[in-house]
Amino acid sequence: MTTSAGQAPAALRALLENGSLTGNWELDPARSTVTLRSRHMWGLAPVKGVFRSIEGGGRVSPTGEVTGRIVLATGALDTKSKKRDEHLRSGDFFMSEKYPEITFTLNNLVPGSDGVTVSGVLTVRDRSRPIAFPANVALAGDGGMVLDATVQVDRSDFGMTANKIGMLSMQNTITVHAVFTKN
């Protein structure tokens, strides 16, 4: 049975407290997506991309603490424009040859009244920054867990300040749909 987002915090809290979720969890890359949206042309044109390589996993301790990691390959961002993708892999942005991964390390997941609060460290181009954001968790009928979140990131926090004639937004929206299965 799938639990709706509104019921998930209470159900999740109970499962964390009673130890039902204890163990190792693996991210299912075939069912998970991470997308990037930004603005180009002075905010008039949206730029959208999807990371085609995503991996990760997590652990739930017997006392209900949740830790984990999600790793994205910077060279696998697909915006459906070969020229733009090559530019995003260059030194102006991700520097994919030197920094092939974006890593989010989950330090804590706290159920609240309207979802969960996720906190951890985001590392891009060898720069790490603490980050916290709201998310929804659904318990899936196949025994899995689904985490959905929309995260705002300022790319200048990670040294990506290229912005010829002010055409590009520094603000990016990352949308995460992560499906985990217990192993």
C-alpha atoms as a PDB file:
ATOM      1  CA  MET A   1       0.000   0.000   0.000  1.00  0.00           C
ATOM      2  CA  THR A   2       1.350   3.426  -0.893  1.00  0.00           C
ATOM      3  CA  THR A   3       1.135   6.014   1.839  1.00  0.00           C
ATOM      4  CA  SER A   4       0.118   9.497   0.737  1.00  0.00           C
ATOM      5  CA  ALA A   5       2.517  12.370   1.397  1.00  0.00           C
ATOM      6  CA  GLY A   6       0.202  13.777   4.080  1.00  0.00           C
ATOM      7  CA  GLN A   7       0.249  10.535   6.069  1.00  0.00           C
ATOM      8  CA  ALA A   8       3.911   9.738   5.457  1.00  0.00           C
ATOM      9  CA  PRO A   9       5.470  11.739   8.316  1.00  0.00           C
ATOM     10  CA  ALA A  10       3.488   9.937  11.032  1.00  0.00           C
ATOM     11  CA  ALA A  11       3.886   6.535   9.371  1.00  0.00           C
ATOM     12  CA  LEU A  12       7.574   7.152   8.743  1.00  0.00           C
ATOM     13  CA  ARG A  13       8.160   8.310  12.321  1.00  0.00           C
ATOM     14  CA  ALA A  14       6.476   5.152  13.670  1.00  0.00           C
ATOM     15  CA  LEU A  15       8.517   2.884  11.384  1.00  0.00           C
ATOM     16  CA  LEU A  16      11.758   4.644  12.332  1.00  0.00           C
ATOM     17  CA  GLU A  17      10.932   4.388  16.033  1.00  0.00           C
ATOM     18  CA  ASN A  18       9.924   0.713  15.975  1.00  0.00           C
ATOM     19  CA  GLY A  19      12.935  -0.377  13.928  1.00  0.00           C
ATOM     20  CA  SER A  20      10.976  -1.607  10.903  1.00  0.00           C
ATOM     21  CA  LEU A  21      13.201   0.363   8.509  1.00  0.00           C
ATOM     22  CA  THR A  22      16.514  -0.648  10.087  1.00  0.00           C
ATOM     23  CA  GLY A  23      19.094  -1.763   7.566  1.00  0.00           C
ATOM     24  CA  ASN A  24      20.762  -0.787   4.329  1.00  0.00           C
ATOM     25  CA  TRP A  25      18.824   0.830   1.507  1.00  0.00           C
ATOM     26  CA  GLU A  26      19.923   1.019  -2.132  1.00  0.00           C
ATOM     27  CA  LEU A  27      18.931   3.741  -4.576  1.00  0.00           C
ATOM     28  CA  ASP A  28      17.181   2.294  -7.632  1.00  0.00           C
ATOM     29  CA  PRO A  29      18.664   4.328 -10.525  1.00  0.00           C
ATOM     30  CA  ALA A  30      16.129   2.982 -13.034  1.00  0.00           C
ATOM     31  CA  ARG A  31      13.238   4.443 -11.017  1.00  0.00           C
ATOM     32  CA  SER A  32      14.978   7.590  -9.729  1.00  0.00           C
ATOM     33  CA  THR A  33      15.526  10.955 -11.414  1.00  0.00           C
ATOM     34  CA  VAL A  34      17.382  14.151 -10.640  1.00  0.00           C
ATOM     35  CA  THR A  35      16.691  17.150 -12.862  1.00  0.00           C
ATOM     36  CA  LEU A  36      18.156  20.639 -13.081  1.00  0.00           C
ATOM     37  CA  ARG A  37      16.326  23.805 -14.112  1.00  0.00           C
ATOM     38  CA  SER A  38      17.802  27.236 -14.563  1.00  0.00           C
ATOM     39  CA  ARG A  39      17.082  30.411 -16.488  1.00  0.00           C
ATOM     40  CA  HIS A  40      18.981  31.688 -19.522  1.00  0.00           C
ATOM     41  CA  MET A  41      18.602  34.814 -21.655  1.00  0.00           C
ATOM     42  CA  TRP A  42      17.942  37.166 -18.710  1.00  0.00           C
ATOM     43  CA  GLY A  43      15.405  34.808 -17.202  1.00  0.00           C
ATOM     44  CA  LEU A  44      13.274  34.457 -20.318  1.00  0.00           C
ATOM     45  CA  ALA A  45      14.274  30.964 -21.428  1.00  0.00           C
ATOM     46  CA  PRO A  46      14.272  27.975 -19.083  1.00  0.00           C
ATOM     47  CA  VAL A  47      17.118  25.483 -19.342  1.00  0.00           C
ATOM     48  CA  LYS A  48      16.251  21.951 -18.250  1.00  0.00           C
ATOM     49  CA  GLY A  49      18.446  18.913 -17.887  1.00  0.00           C
ATOM     50  CA  VAL A  50      18.452  15.453 -16.366  1.00  0.00           C
ATOM     51  CA  PHE A  51      21.372  13.636 -14.772  1.00  0.00           C
ATOM     52  CA  ARG A  52      21.585  10.319 -16.637  1.00  0.00           C
ATOM     53  CA  SER A  53      23.842   8.711 -14.016  1.00  0.00           C
ATOM     54  CA  ILE A  54      22.668   8.537 -10.410  1.00  0.00           C
ATOM     55  CA  GLU A  55      23.653   6.160  -7.633  1.00  0.00           C
ATOM     56  CA  GLY A  56      23.490   6.001  -3.896  1.00  0.00           C
ATOM     57  CA  GLY A  57      22.158   4.384  -0.817  1.00  0.00           C
ATOM     58  CA  GLY A  58      21.569   4.822   2.839  1.00  0.00           C
ATOM     59  CA  ARG A  59      21.337   3.257   6.222  1.00  0.00           C
ATOM     60  CA  VAL A  60      18.696   3.375   8.926  1.00  0.00           C
ATOM     61  CA  SER A  61      20.090   2.583  12.375  1.00  0.00           C
ATOM     62  CA  PRO A  62      18.124   0.578  14.956  1.00  0.00           C
ATOM     63  CA  THR A  63      17.488   3.882  16.778  1.00  0.00           C
ATOM     64  CA  GLY A  64      15.997   5.479  13.636  1.00  0.00           C
ATOM     65  CA  GLU A  65      18.879   7.684  12.497  1.00  0.00           C
ATOM     66  CA  VAL A  66      19.073   7.959   8.713  1.00  0.00           C
ATOM     67  CA  THR A  67      22.312   8.547   6.794  1.00  0.00           C
ATOM     68  CA  GLY A  68      23.138   8.143   3.135  1.00  0.00           C
ATOM     69  CA  ARG A  69      24.558   9.444  -0.101  1.00  0.00           C
ATOM     70  CA  ILE A  70      23.431  10.306  -3.604  1.00  0.00           C
ATOM     71  CA  VAL A  71      26.050  10.713  -6.324  1.00  0.00           C
ATOM     72  CA  LEU A  72      25.447  12.331  -9.720  1.00  0.00           C
ATOM     73  CA  ALA A  73      27.893  12.167 -12.627  1.00  0.00           C
ATOM     74  CA  THR A  74      28.565  15.726 -13.832  1.00  0.00           C
ATOM     75  CA  GLY A  75      29.412  14.413 -17.296  1.00  0.00           C
ATOM     76  CA  ALA A  76      25.980  12.796 -17.538  1.00  0.00           C
ATOM     77  CA  LEU A  77      23.872  15.964 -17.440  1.00  0.00           C
ATOM     78  CA  ASP A  78      21.689  15.920 -20.546  1.00  0.00           C
ATOM     79  CA  THR A  79      19.973  19.164 -21.636  1.00  0.00           C
ATOM     80  CA  LYS A  80      19.235  17.868 -25.149  1.00  0.00           C
ATOM     81  CA  SER A  81      21.830  20.290 -26.565  1.00  0.00           C
ATOM     82  CA  LYS A  82      25.265  18.802 -27.223  1.00  0.00           C
ATOM     83  CA  LYS A  83      26.940  22.223 -27.344  1.00  0.00           C
ATOM     84  CA  ARG A  84      25.334  23.338 -24.062  1.00  0.00           C
ATOM     85  CA  ASP A  85      26.159  20.002 -22.392  1.00  0.00           C
ATOM     86  CA  GLU A  86      29.816  20.368 -23.412  1.00  0.00           C
ATOM     87  CA  HIS A  87      29.835  23.920 -22.016  1.00  0.00           C
ATOM     88  CA  LEU A  88      28.320  22.700 -18.725  1.00  0.00           C
ATOM     89  CA  ARG A  89      31.130  20.110 -18.465  1.00  0.00           C
ATOM     90  CA  SER A  90      33.787  22.808 -19.041  1.00  0.00           C
ATOM     91  CA  GLY A  91      35.703  24.957 -16.566  1.00  0.00           C
ATOM     92  CA  ASP A  92      32.927  27.561 -16.643  1.00  0.00           C
ATOM     93  CA  PHE A  93      30.634  25.175 -14.784  1.00  0.00           C
ATOM     94  CA  PHE A  94      31.141  21.592 -13.531  1.00  0.00           C
ATOM     95  CA  MET A  95      34.770  20.991 -14.625  1.00  0.00           C
ATOM     96  CA  SER A  96      33.740  17.375 -15.236  1.00  0.00           C
ATOM     97  CA  GLU A  97      37.226  16.044 -15.980  1.00  0.00           C
ATOM     98  CA  LYS A  98      38.555  17.232 -12.631  1.00  0.00           C
ATOM     99  CA  TYR A  99      35.329  16.889 -10.631  1.00  0.00           C
ATOM    100  CA  PRO A 100      33.286  14.038 -12.123  1.00  0.00           C
ATOM    101  CA  GLU A 101      30.727  13.856  -9.304  1.00  0.00           C
ATOM    102  CA  ILE A 102      28.232  15.890  -7.361  1.00  0.00           C
ATOM    103  CA  THR A 103      27.654  14.323  -3.963  1.00  0.00           C
ATOM    104  CA  PHE A 104      24.913  14.849  -1.424  1.00  0.00           C
ATOM    105  CA  THR A 105      25.678  13.260   1.950  1.00  0.00           C
ATOM    106  CA  LEU A 106      22.604  12.875   4.136  1.00  0.00           C
ATOM    107  CA  ASN A 107      23.297  13.517   7.811  1.00  0.00           C
ATOM    108  CA  ASN A 108      19.755  13.621   9.144  1.00  0.00           C
ATOM    109  CA  LEU A 109      16.135  13.081   8.158  1.00  0.00           C
ATOM    110  CA  VAL A 110      13.541  14.391  10.588  1.00  0.00           C
ATOM    111  CA  PRO A 111       9.813  13.723  10.126  1.00  0.00           C
ATOM    112  CA  GLY A 112       7.641  16.772  10.753  1.00  0.00           C
ATOM    113  CA  SER A 113       3.982  17.613  10.427  1.00  0.00           C
ATOM    114  CA  ASP A 114       4.076  18.297   6.663  1.00  0.00           C
ATOM    115  CA  GLY A 115       6.797  15.960   5.447  1.00  0.00           C
ATOM    116  CA  VAL A 116      10.421  15.542   6.414  1.00  0.00           C
ATOM    117  CA  THR A 117      13.390  17.857   6.745  1.00  0.00           C
ATOM    118  CA  VAL A 118      16.485  16.560   5.018  1.00  0.00           C
ATOM    119  CA  SER A 119      19.870  17.928   6.035  1.00  0.00           C
ATOM    120  CA  GLY A 120      23.342  17.130   4.873  1.00  0.00           C
ATOM    121  CA  VAL A 121      26.270  18.355   2.820  1.00  0.00           C
ATOM    122  CA  LEU A 122      26.244  19.116  -0.907  1.00  0.00           C
ATOM    123  CA  THR A 123      29.632  18.883  -2.636  1.00  0.00           C
ATOM    124  CA  VAL A 124      30.140  20.334  -6.113  1.00  0.00           C
ATOM    125  CA  ARG A 125      33.572  21.044  -7.617  1.00  0.00           C
ATOM    126  CA  ASP A 126      35.307  20.113  -4.364  1.00  0.00           C
ATOM    127  CA  ARG A 127      33.315  22.730  -2.430  1.00  0.00           C
ATOM    128  CA  SER A 128      31.087  21.448   0.334  1.00  0.00           C
ATOM    129  CA  ARG A 129      28.179  23.374   1.787  1.00  0.00           C
ATOM    130  CA  PRO A 130      25.607  22.380   4.419  1.00  0.00           C
ATOM    131  CA  ILE A 131      22.086  22.273   3.057  1.00  0.00           C
ATOM    132  CA  ALA A 132      18.638  21.526   4.467  1.00  0.00           C
ATOM    133  CA  PHE A 133      15.366  21.236   2.594  1.00  0.00           C
ATOM    134  CA  PRO A 134      11.813  19.922   2.960  1.00  0.00           C
ATOM    135  CA  ALA A 135      10.853  16.670   1.262  1.00  0.00           C
ATOM    136  CA  ASN A 136       8.003  14.214   1.032  1.00  0.00           C
ATOM    137  CA  VAL A 137       8.445  10.525   1.709  1.00  0.00           C
ATOM    138  CA  ALA A 138       6.052   7.833   0.508  1.00  0.00           C
ATOM    139  CA  LEU A 139       6.171   4.245   1.641  1.00  0.00           C
ATOM    140  CA  ALA A 140       5.652   2.058  -1.412  1.00  0.00           C
ATOM    141  CA  GLY A 141       3.715  -1.205  -1.564  1.00  0.00           C
ATOM    142  CA  ASP A 142       6.802  -3.082  -2.745  1.00  0.00           C
ATOM    143  CA  GLY A 143       8.532  -2.267   0.556  1.00  0.00           C
ATOM    144  CA  GLY A 144      10.462   0.647  -0.885  1.00  0.00           C
ATOM    145  CA  MET A 145      10.617   4.301   0.015  1.00  0.00           C
ATOM    146  CA  VAL A 146      10.265   7.268  -2.313  1.00  0.00           C
ATOM    147  CA  LEU A 147      11.714  10.667  -1.479  1.00  0.00           C
ATOM    148  CA  ASP A 148      10.608  13.705  -3.491  1.00  0.00           C
ATOM    149  CA  ALA A 149      12.169  17.130  -3.038  1.00  0.00           C
ATOM    150  CA  THR A 150      12.737  20.415  -4.815  1.00  0.00           C
ATOM    151  CA  VAL A 151      15.915  22.183  -3.761  1.00  0.00           C
ATOM    152  CA  GLN A 152      17.106  25.699  -4.615  1.00  0.00           C
ATOM    153  CA  VAL A 153      20.871  25.986  -5.129  1.00  0.00           C
ATOM    154  CA  ASP A 154      22.963  29.074  -5.859  1.00  0.00           C
ATOM    155  CA  ARG A 155      25.681  27.850  -8.207  1.00  0.00           C
ATOM    156  CA  SER A 156      28.024  30.673  -7.160  1.00  0.00           C
ATOM    157  CA  ASP A 157      28.310  28.932  -3.747  1.00  0.00           C
ATOM    158  CA  PHE A 158      30.238  26.236  -5.605  1.00  0.00           C
ATOM    159  CA  GLY A 159      32.508  28.481  -7.683  1.00  0.00           C
ATOM    160  CA  MET A 160      30.377  28.406 -10.828  1.00  0.00           C
ATOM    161  CA  THR A 161      30.150  32.123 -11.528  1.00  0.00           C
ATOM    162  CA  ALA A 162      30.381  32.201 -15.341  1.00  0.00           C
ATOM    163  CA  ASN A 163      27.763  34.647 -16.566  1.00  0.00           C
ATOM    164  CA  LYS A 164      28.572  36.328 -19.850  1.00  0.00           C
ATOM    165  CA  ILE A 165      26.769  39.661 -20.060  1.00  0.00           C
ATOM    166  CA  GLY A 166      24.468  38.681 -17.203  1.00  0.00           C
ATOM    167  CA  MET A 167      22.443  36.208 -19.276  1.00  0.00           C
ATOM    168  CA  LEU A 168      22.479  33.303 -16.818  1.00  0.00           C
ATOM    169  CA  SER A 169      20.758  32.890 -13.484  1.00  0.00           C
ATOM    170  CA  MET A 170      22.821  31.901 -10.469  1.00  0.00           C
ATOM    171  CA  GLN A 171      19.747  30.195  -8.994  1.00  0.00           C
ATOM    172  CA  ASN A 172      19.098  26.593  -9.968  1.00  0.00           C
ATOM    173  CA  THR A 173      16.242  24.292  -9.058  1.00  0.00           C
ATOM    174  CA  ILE A 174      17.115  20.663  -8.442  1.00  0.00           C
ATOM    175  CA  THR A 175      14.205  18.212  -8.411  1.00  0.00           C
ATOM    176  CA  VAL A 176      14.851  14.820  -6.841  1.00  0.00           C
ATOM    177  CA  HIS A 177      12.705  11.702  -7.146  1.00  0.00           C
ATOM    178  CA  ALA A 178      14.697   9.010  -5.331  1.00  0.00           C
ATOM    179  CA  VAL A 179      13.414   5.465  -4.962  1.00  0.00           C
ATOM    180  CA  PHE A 180      15.115   3.256  -2.373  1.00  0.00           C
ATOM    181  CA  THR A 181      14.756  -0.475  -1.825  1.00  0.00           C
ATOM    182  CA  LYS A 182      15.890  -2.389   1.220  1.00  0.00           C
ATOM    183  CA  ASN A 183      18.667  -4.872   0.650  1.00  0.00           C
END
